[in-house]
Amino acid sequence: MPCSRASESTAFLEPGGIGAALISAARERASSMGYERMTLLTFANVPWNAPYYRRLGFDDLHDPGPDLQQFREHEVALGLDAYGERVAMFCDLSSTAS
């Protein structure tokens, strides 16, 4: 039976839902590969973007460094800023609680 968009979104955002499981798996994999932190770029004020990642343990990254800044410049070139403020975020993998 197909899911409606509302139920798909709800399943992704619920604590312990699909989204949290995917982030947890990515954190575990990155940690097992020796990475010390995970970074991302997302919309700052969309409830299922930055606020959601904050609930999963991500913090704002005020100095993204040259590699992430290059991705950010690419986002600007693509016009993503027209849709809302963007933010760089990170989570420390040494504090990964799975």
Protein backbone atom coordinates (compact mmCIF):
# COMPACT_ATOMS: atom_id res chain seq x y z
CA MET A 1 0.00 0.00 0.00
CA PRO A 2 1.52 3.37 -0.98
CA CYS A 3 2.12 5.96 1.74
CA SER A 4 0.85 9.50 1.54
CA ARG A 5 3.37 12.33 1.56
CA ALA A 6 2.24 13.33 5.05
CA SER A 7 2.91 9.88 6.47
CA GLU A 8 6.26 9.64 4.67
CA SER A 9 7.30 13.01 6.12
CA THR A 10 6.06 12.05 9.57
CA ALA A 11 7.90 8.73 9.49
CA PHE A 12 11.10 10.50 8.49
CA LEU A 13 10.88 13.12 11.26
CA GLU A 14 9.64 11.09 14.20
CA PRO A 15 12.15 10.34 16.94
CA GLY A 16 13.43 6.89 16.16
CA GLY A 17 12.04 7.20 12.62
CA ILE A 18 13.67 6.64 9.27
CA GLY A 19 15.55 9.96 9.22
CA ALA A 20 17.08 9.43 12.65
CA ALA A 21 18.05 5.88 11.68
CA LEU A 22 19.74 7.08 8.49
CA ILE A 23 21.70 9.77 10.33
CA SER A 24 22.67 7.27 13.03
CA ALA A 25 23.91 4.80 10.40
CA ALA A 26 25.90 7.53 8.63
CA ARG A 27 27.45 8.63 11.93
CA GLU A 28 28.41 5.06 12.84
CA ARG A 29 29.91 4.44 9.40
CA ALA A 30 31.89 7.70 9.40
CA SER A 31 33.14 7.02 12.93
CA SER A 32 34.20 3.47 12.01
CA MET A 33 36.16 4.94 9.08
CA GLY A 34 38.09 7.20 11.46
CA TYR A 35 36.33 10.50 10.82
CA GLU A 36 36.10 12.83 13.81
CA ARG A 37 33.08 14.82 12.69
CA MET A 38 30.32 14.96 10.12
CA THR A 39 29.27 18.15 8.32
CA LEU A 40 26.32 19.21 6.21
CA LEU A 41 24.71 22.21 4.55
CA THR A 42 20.97 22.75 4.91
CA PHE A 43 18.21 25.34 5.14
CA ALA A 44 18.37 27.24 8.43
CA ASN A 45 14.67 27.85 9.04
CA VAL A 46 12.86 24.85 7.56
CA PRO A 47 11.59 22.71 10.48
CA TRP A 48 12.73 19.42 8.92
CA ASN A 49 16.17 20.82 8.08
CA ALA A 50 18.43 22.67 10.58
CA PRO A 51 16.04 22.41 13.58
CA TYR A 52 15.71 18.67 12.93
CA TYR A 53 19.48 18.17 12.67
CA ARG A 54 19.94 20.12 15.92
CA ARG A 55 17.61 17.64 17.64
CA LEU A 56 19.88 14.88 16.31
CA GLY A 57 22.98 16.48 17.85
CA PHE A 58 24.27 18.76 15.10
CA ASP A 59 25.47 22.30 15.88
CA ASP A 60 25.92 25.34 13.67
CA LEU A 61 29.38 25.56 12.12
CA HIS A 62 30.39 29.21 11.97
CA ASP A 63 33.74 28.64 10.23
CA PRO A 64 33.11 25.93 7.62
CA GLY A 65 36.66 25.76 6.30
CA PRO A 66 37.75 25.72 2.66
CA ASP A 67 36.22 22.39 1.57
CA LEU A 68 32.73 23.06 2.91
CA GLN A 69 32.98 26.69 1.79
CA GLN A 70 33.54 25.42 -1.76
CA PHE A 71 30.28 23.44 -1.54
CA ARG A 72 28.59 26.55 -0.14
CA GLU A 73 29.79 28.63 -3.10
CA HIS A 74 28.38 25.99 -5.43
CA GLU A 75 25.00 26.27 -3.66
CA VAL A 76 25.06 30.04 -4.19
CA ALA A 77 25.83 29.51 -7.90
CA LEU A 78 22.89 27.10 -8.15
CA GLY A 79 20.58 29.73 -6.64
CA LEU A 80 19.66 27.88 -3.44
CA ASP A 81 19.83 31.10 -1.41
CA ALA A 82 16.70 32.31 -3.21
CA TYR A 83 14.76 29.66 -1.25
CA GLY A 84 16.01 30.60 2.22
CA GLU A 85 18.98 31.06 4.49
CA ARG A 86 21.52 28.24 4.40
CA VAL A 87 23.59 27.01 7.34
CA ALA A 88 26.63 24.75 7.75
CA MET A 89 26.32 22.23 10.58
CA PHE A 90 28.49 19.57 12.21
CA CYS A 91 28.34 16.78 14.76
CA ASP A 92 31.27 15.50 16.78
CA LEU A 93 31.54 11.76 16.12
CA SER A 94 33.35 11.09 19.38
CA SER A 95 30.02 11.78 21.12
CA THR A 96 27.99 9.54 18.80
CA ALA A 97 25.31 7.87 20.85
CA SER A 98 23.64 5.18 18.77
